[in-house]
């Protein structure tokens, strides 16, 4: 979860987690201790994010200029451009190695500070640090939020709208395309996160979910009170199975079944879970775990 980038936190905390992992694997620092590869300790995407973004040349508007550029690209100029790209890629790889070496050195320094910490204590400190994220314990799925459809009182759906939602609501402004989000499915609620953000955009208690289903092998629909949310994902079956499991364990008499037309449960249904089941979480503030160290 940490190495895949699903724990949004600072680089300092990620280095601390890597040091705690080394302590739990190898005990106290030693030059003779085996070193895992950096990607087994630290999220690789963090290092790649430090690299400068490639500069893009503005597109040529003139048709004649585009034609001349195409002809040049097939000759000597094309060879020169290929050489420039190869040199640029080599510089980026060198920069990535430098960043990796710098990060590993910082991790080792933190590892040295853990001298005397036992393996169980290191593992407990690691888990305590990760548990500070409010989404800990949820299974996260990469999804694209394609559209939102407000639902009328009679259960009939209105036309789908593409929407940019922050936070999610039927009144949110319409945007130009899909949003990449994390869909977090936990024991008490379903939450939506912007990737890398610690706080959810919105959370739905299971008592608020009226139905869910798959429109096809890559499209998943979730009906929540006054809106339908349409997601695109390659993990439709996994999401549906996990939702069924949590809904059953939540004590509902009969969990919502996958179906194409969502209907809201009666307001007087005694089996509906109270909406206070998932109160809004406060801001996530990192605090060093007991038994850890201060850098």
Protein backbone atom coordinates (compact mmCIF):
# COMPACT_ATOMS: atom_id res chain seq x y z
CA UNK A 1 0.00 0.00 0.00
CA UNK A 2 2.80 2.42 0.93
CA UNK A 3 5.04 1.48 -2.01
CA UNK A 4 2.13 1.80 -4.45
CA UNK A 5 1.59 5.39 -3.30
CA UNK A 6 -1.72 4.74 -1.55
CA UNK A 7 -0.68 6.43 1.72
CA UNK A 8 -0.62 10.19 1.05
CA UNK A 9 2.02 11.67 3.34
CA UNK A 10 5.26 13.64 3.27
CA UNK A 11 8.60 12.38 1.96
CA UNK A 12 9.97 12.69 5.49
CA UNK A 13 7.36 10.25 6.77
CA UNK A 14 7.97 7.90 3.84
CA UNK A 15 11.68 7.86 4.71
CA UNK A 16 10.79 7.12 8.34
CA UNK A 17 8.62 4.21 7.23
CA UNK A 18 11.48 2.87 5.10
CA UNK A 19 13.87 3.11 8.06
CA UNK A 20 11.40 1.25 10.30
CA UNK A 21 11.11 -1.45 7.65
CA UNK A 22 14.91 -1.83 7.56
CA UNK A 23 14.99 -2.05 11.36
CA UNK A 24 12.33 -4.77 11.36
CA UNK A 25 14.17 -6.71 8.63
CA UNK A 26 17.81 -6.34 9.69
CA UNK A 27 17.71 -5.05 13.28
CA UNK A 28 20.38 -2.40 14.05
CA UNK A 29 22.34 -0.72 11.27
CA UNK A 30 25.40 -2.53 10.02
CA UNK A 31 27.50 -2.08 6.91
CA UNK A 32 27.28 -5.86 6.45
CA UNK A 33 23.48 -5.94 6.59
CA UNK A 34 21.71 -6.79 3.31
CA UNK A 35 20.13 -3.76 1.66
CA UNK A 36 16.86 -4.18 -0.25
CA UNK A 37 16.48 -2.23 -3.46
CA UNK A 38 15.19 1.29 -2.98
CA UNK A 39 11.92 0.49 -4.77
CA UNK A 40 11.28 -2.13 -2.07
CA UNK A 41 11.48 0.56 0.60
CA UNK A 42 10.31 3.82 -0.97
CA UNK A 43 7.56 4.65 -3.53
CA UNK A 44 9.27 5.02 -6.94
CA UNK A 45 6.75 7.58 -8.16
CA UNK A 46 8.02 10.09 -5.56
CA UNK A 47 11.47 10.04 -7.14
CA UNK A 48 10.05 10.36 -10.65
CA UNK A 49 7.99 13.37 -9.52
CA UNK A 50 11.21 15.23 -8.74
CA UNK A 51 12.39 15.06 -12.36
CA UNK A 52 11.68 18.08 -14.54
CA UNK A 53 8.73 17.70 -16.87
CA UNK A 54 9.71 17.44 -20.55
CA UNK A 55 9.32 20.69 -22.41
CA UNK A 56 6.82 20.61 -25.22
CA UNK A 57 7.22 22.77 -28.27
CA UNK A 58 4.11 24.68 -29.35
CA UNK A 59 2.45 23.13 -32.41
CA UNK A 60 3.27 24.72 -35.73
CA UNK A 61 0.24 26.53 -37.11
CA UNK A 62 1.41 26.98 -40.69
CA UNK A 63 0.80 23.97 -42.93
CA UNK A 64 3.90 24.71 -44.99
CA UNK A 65 6.03 24.88 -41.84
CA UNK A 66 4.64 21.53 -40.70
CA UNK A 67 5.49 20.00 -44.07
CA UNK A 68 9.06 21.35 -43.97
CA UNK A 69 9.45 20.08 -40.39
CA UNK A 70 8.26 16.63 -41.49
CA UNK A 71 10.74 16.54 -44.38
CA UNK A 72 13.59 17.63 -42.13
CA UNK A 73 12.66 15.04 -39.54
CA UNK A 74 13.24 12.31 -42.12
CA UNK A 75 16.77 13.49 -42.88
CA UNK A 76 19.74 14.78 -40.96
CA UNK A 77 17.55 16.78 -38.64
CA UNK A 78 15.73 13.62 -37.65
CA UNK A 79 18.99 11.99 -36.67
CA UNK A 80 19.99 15.07 -34.68
CA UNK A 81 16.66 15.10 -32.84
CA UNK A 82 16.97 11.41 -32.02
CA UNK A 83 20.44 12.06 -30.61
CA UNK A 84 19.10 14.94 -28.50
CA UNK A 85 16.34 12.72 -27.12
CA UNK A 86 18.84 9.99 -26.25
CA UNK A 87 21.06 12.52 -24.45
CA UNK A 88 18.09 13.92 -22.58
CA UNK A 89 16.96 10.44 -21.50
CA UNK A 90 20.50 9.69 -20.32
CA UNK A 91 20.55 12.90 -18.25
CA UNK A 92 17.18 12.01 -16.70
CA UNK A 93 18.40 8.53 -15.80
CA UNK A 94 21.49 10.05 -14.21
CA UNK A 95 19.33 12.51 -12.27
CA UNK A 96 17.10 9.65 -11.13
CA UNK A 97 20.14 7.72 -9.85
CA UNK A 98 21.30 10.81 -7.94
CA UNK A 99 17.87 11.28 -6.38
CA UNK A 100 17.76 7.61 -5.46
CA UNK A 101 21.18 7.72 -3.82
CA UNK A 102 20.23 10.86 -1.87
CA UNK A 103 16.99 9.26 -0.66
CA UNK A 104 18.71 6.04 0.36
CA UNK A 105 21.32 8.03 2.33
CA UNK A 106 18.53 9.86 4.20
CA UNK A 107 16.81 6.54 4.96
CA UNK A 108 20.04 5.04 6.30
CA UNK A 109 20.60 8.02 8.59
CA UNK A 110 17.12 7.52 10.04
CA UNK A 111 17.80 3.81 10.36
CA UNK A 112 20.90 4.50 12.46
CA UNK A 113 18.76 6.48 14.91
CA UNK A 114 16.64 3.39 15.58
CA UNK A 115 19.48 1.46 17.21
CA UNK A 116 18.19 -0.72 20.04
CA UNK A 117 14.60 -0.87 18.75
CA UNK A 118 13.36 -4.46 18.57
CA UNK A 119 11.63 -5.98 15.58
CA UNK A 120 8.14 -6.06 17.18
CA UNK A 121 8.53 -2.43 18.29
CA UNK A 122 9.64 -1.37 14.79
CA UNK A 123 6.69 -3.14 13.20
CA UNK A 124 4.28 -1.58 15.71
CA UNK A 125 5.72 1.90 15.05
CA UNK A 126 5.39 1.33 11.29
CA UNK A 127 1.74 0.34 11.57
CA UNK A 128 0.99 3.18 13.99
CA UNK A 129 2.44 5.68 11.52
CA UNK A 130 0.37 4.36 8.62
CA UNK A 131 -2.78 4.18 10.75
CA UNK A 132 -2.69 7.97 11.17
CA UNK A 133 -4.15 8.24 7.67
CA UNK A 134 -7.99 8.27 8.02
CA UNK A 135 -8.32 5.91 5.06
CA UNK A 136 -6.20 3.18 6.66
CA UNK A 137 -7.84 -0.24 6.38
CA UNK A 138 -9.75 0.59 3.21
CA UNK A 139 -9.13 -1.18 -0.06
CA UNK A 140 -8.34 1.43 -2.70
CA UNK A 141 -9.22 1.15 -6.37
CA UNK A 142 -8.16 3.44 -9.22
CA UNK A 143 -11.32 4.69 -10.92
CA UNK A 144 -12.36 7.38 -13.38
CA UNK A 145 -15.49 9.26 -12.36
CA UNK A 146 -17.26 9.65 -15.68
CA UNK A 147 -20.58 11.23 -14.81
CA UNK A 148 -23.06 12.15 -12.07
CA UNK A 149 -26.82 11.94 -12.39
CA UNK A 150 -29.17 13.54 -9.83
CA UNK A 151 -32.07 11.31 -8.86
CA UNK A 152 -35.64 12.54 -8.45
CA UNK A 153 -37.90 11.77 -5.51
CA UNK A 154 -39.79 9.27 -7.56
CA UNK A 155 -36.63 7.28 -8.23
CA UNK A 156 -36.38 8.32 -11.87
CA UNK A 157 -32.97 9.34 -13.05
CA UNK A 158 -32.22 12.52 -14.94
CA UNK A 159 -29.74 12.66 -17.84
CA UNK A 160 -26.11 11.92 -17.00
CA UNK A 161 -23.82 14.93 -16.64
CA UNK A 162 -20.04 15.01 -16.80
CA UNK A 163 -18.97 16.79 -13.65
CA UNK A 164 -15.92 18.12 -11.84
CA UNK A 165 -16.81 17.52 -8.22
CA UNK A 166 -15.03 19.05 -5.23
CA UNK A 167 -16.68 17.97 -3.04
CA UNK A 168 -19.17 15.65 -4.70
CA UNK A 169 -22.71 16.93 -4.92
CA UNK A 170 -25.54 17.03 -7.44
CA UNK A 171 -25.08 20.80 -7.70
CA UNK A 172 -21.37 20.59 -8.59
CA UNK A 173 -20.27 22.40 -11.76
CA UNK A 174 -20.07 20.46 -14.99
CA UNK A 175 -16.53 19.79 -16.21
CA UNK A 176 -14.95 18.70 -19.48
CA UNK A 177 -13.89 15.14 -18.69
CA UNK A 178 -13.48 12.31 -16.26
CA UNK A 179 -11.70 12.60 -12.92
CA UNK A 180 -9.11 10.07 -11.79
CA UNK A 181 -9.98 9.18 -8.19
CA UNK A 182 -9.33 6.57 -5.53
CA UNK A 183 -12.43 4.62 -4.52
CA UNK A 184 -11.85 3.48 -0.94
CA UNK A 185 -14.05 0.65 0.37
CA UNK A 186 -13.85 0.18 4.13
CA UNK A 187 -15.76 -1.56 6.86
CA UNK A 188 -18.02 1.44 7.62
CA UNK A 189 -18.11 3.58 4.49
CA UNK A 190 -17.18 4.09 0.87
CA UNK A 191 -14.99 7.14 0.26
CA UNK A 192 -13.68 9.02 -2.75
CA UNK A 193 -10.21 10.56 -2.71
CA UNK A 194 -8.18 12.68 -5.04
CA UNK A 195 -4.97 10.69 -5.57
CA UNK A 196 -2.39 11.84 -3.07
CA UNK A 197 -4.85 13.79 -0.91
CA UNK A 198 -5.26 12.57 2.69
CA UNK A 199 -8.85 13.77 3.19
CA UNK A 200 -11.75 12.29 1.18
CA UNK A 201 -13.81 14.37 -1.20
CA UNK A 202 -16.87 12.57 0.10
CA UNK A 203 -17.81 9.51 2.17
CA UNK A 204 -20.96 7.41 1.99
CA UNK A 205 -22.15 5.24 4.89
CA UNK A 206 -23.59 1.93 3.77
CA UNK A 207 -27.00 3.05 4.96
CA UNK A 208 -26.89 5.74 2.25
CA UNK A 209 -26.14 3.33 -0.61
CA UNK A 210 -29.36 2.21 -2.27
CA UNK A 211 -27.91 0.08 -5.07
CA UNK A 212 -24.86 -0.61 -7.18
CA UNK A 213 -24.18 -2.52 -10.37
CA UNK A 214 -22.12 -3.01 -13.49
CA UNK A 215 -23.31 -1.57 -16.77
CA UNK A 216 -20.59 -3.51 -18.57
CA UNK A 217 -17.20 -5.08 -17.82
CA UNK A 218 -15.55 -1.71 -17.24
CA UNK A 219 -18.37 0.55 -15.99
CA UNK A 220 -19.60 0.58 -12.41
CA UNK A 221 -22.57 2.53 -11.03
CA UNK A 222 -23.09 3.50 -7.40
CA UNK A 223 -26.44 4.96 -6.31
CA UNK A 224 -26.25 7.12 -3.18
CA UNK A 225 -29.44 8.82 -1.97
CA UNK A 226 -29.94 11.73 -4.38
CA UNK A 227 -27.37 10.86 -7.05
CA UNK A 228 -25.96 8.12 -9.25
CA UNK A 229 -22.21 7.99 -9.78
CA UNK A 230 -20.77 6.33 -12.87
CA UNK A 231 -17.19 5.04 -12.75
CA UNK A 232 -14.92 3.46 -15.28
CA UNK A 233 -12.53 0.84 -13.88
CA UNK A 234 -10.90 -2.47 -14.76
CA UNK A 235 -11.85 -3.90 -11.34
CA UNK A 236 -15.65 -3.94 -11.52
CA UNK A 237 -15.99 -7.49 -10.17
CA UNK A 238 -13.58 -6.90 -7.26
CA UNK A 239 -15.44 -3.74 -6.22
CA UNK A 240 -18.85 -5.44 -6.36
CA UNK A 241 -17.66 -8.47 -4.36
CA UNK A 242 -16.09 -6.30 -1.66
CA UNK A 243 -19.19 -4.11 -1.39
CA UNK A 244 -21.36 -7.20 -0.99
CA UNK A 245 -19.08 -8.51 1.75
CA UNK A 246 -19.09 -5.28 3.76
CA UNK A 247 -22.81 -4.73 3.30
CA UNK A 248 -23.53 -8.22 4.59
CA UNK A 249 -21.24 -7.76 7.60
CA UNK A 250 -22.78 -4.36 8.35
CA UNK A 251 -25.88 -6.17 9.59
CA UNK A 252 -28.29 -5.10 6.86
CA UNK A 253 -31.17 -7.53 6.48
CA UNK A 254 -30.74 -7.64 2.71
CA UNK A 255 -27.88 -5.73 1.03
CA UNK A 256 -28.57 -3.84 -2.18
CA UNK A 257 -28.28 -6.18 -5.14
CA UNK A 258 -26.56 -5.17 -8.39
CA UNK A 259 -29.25 -3.88 -10.72
CA UNK A 260 -29.67 -1.36 -13.49
CA UNK A 261 -32.41 0.81 -11.96
CA UNK A 262 -31.57 2.23 -8.54
CA UNK A 263 -34.35 2.68 -6.02
CA UNK A 264 -34.11 4.42 -2.70
CA UNK A 265 -34.92 2.38 0.44
CA UNK A 266 -38.03 3.40 2.42
CA UNK A 267 -37.33 6.03 5.05
CA UNK A 268 -38.94 3.85 7.71
CA UNK A 269 -36.79 0.77 6.97
CA UNK A 270 -35.56 -0.39 10.42
CA UNK A 271 -32.57 -2.16 8.89
CA UNK A 272 -31.09 1.00 7.37
CA UNK A 273 -27.86 1.99 9.08
CA UNK A 274 -27.74 5.42 10.74
CA UNK A 275 -26.00 8.11 8.73
CA UNK A 276 -23.94 8.99 11.79
CA UNK A 277 -21.99 5.81 11.20
CA UNK A 278 -19.31 7.69 9.30
CA UNK A 279 -18.79 11.16 10.85
CA UNK A 280 -16.57 13.57 9.00
CA UNK A 281 -12.94 12.99 9.87
CA UNK A 282 -10.82 15.84 11.13
CA UNK A 283 -7.66 17.00 9.36
CA UNK A 284 -4.90 14.42 9.34
CA UNK A 285 -1.99 15.73 11.38
CA UNK A 286 1.11 13.56 11.54
CA UNK A 287 2.57 12.85 14.98
CA UNK A 288 5.63 10.61 15.55
CA UNK A 289 4.57 7.23 16.97
CA UNK A 290 5.59 6.17 20.47
CA UNK A 291 8.84 4.28 20.36
CA UNK A 292 10.00 6.01 17.18
CA UNK A 293 12.55 8.77 16.95
CA UNK A 294 12.69 12.47 16.27
CA UNK A 295 14.67 13.59 13.26
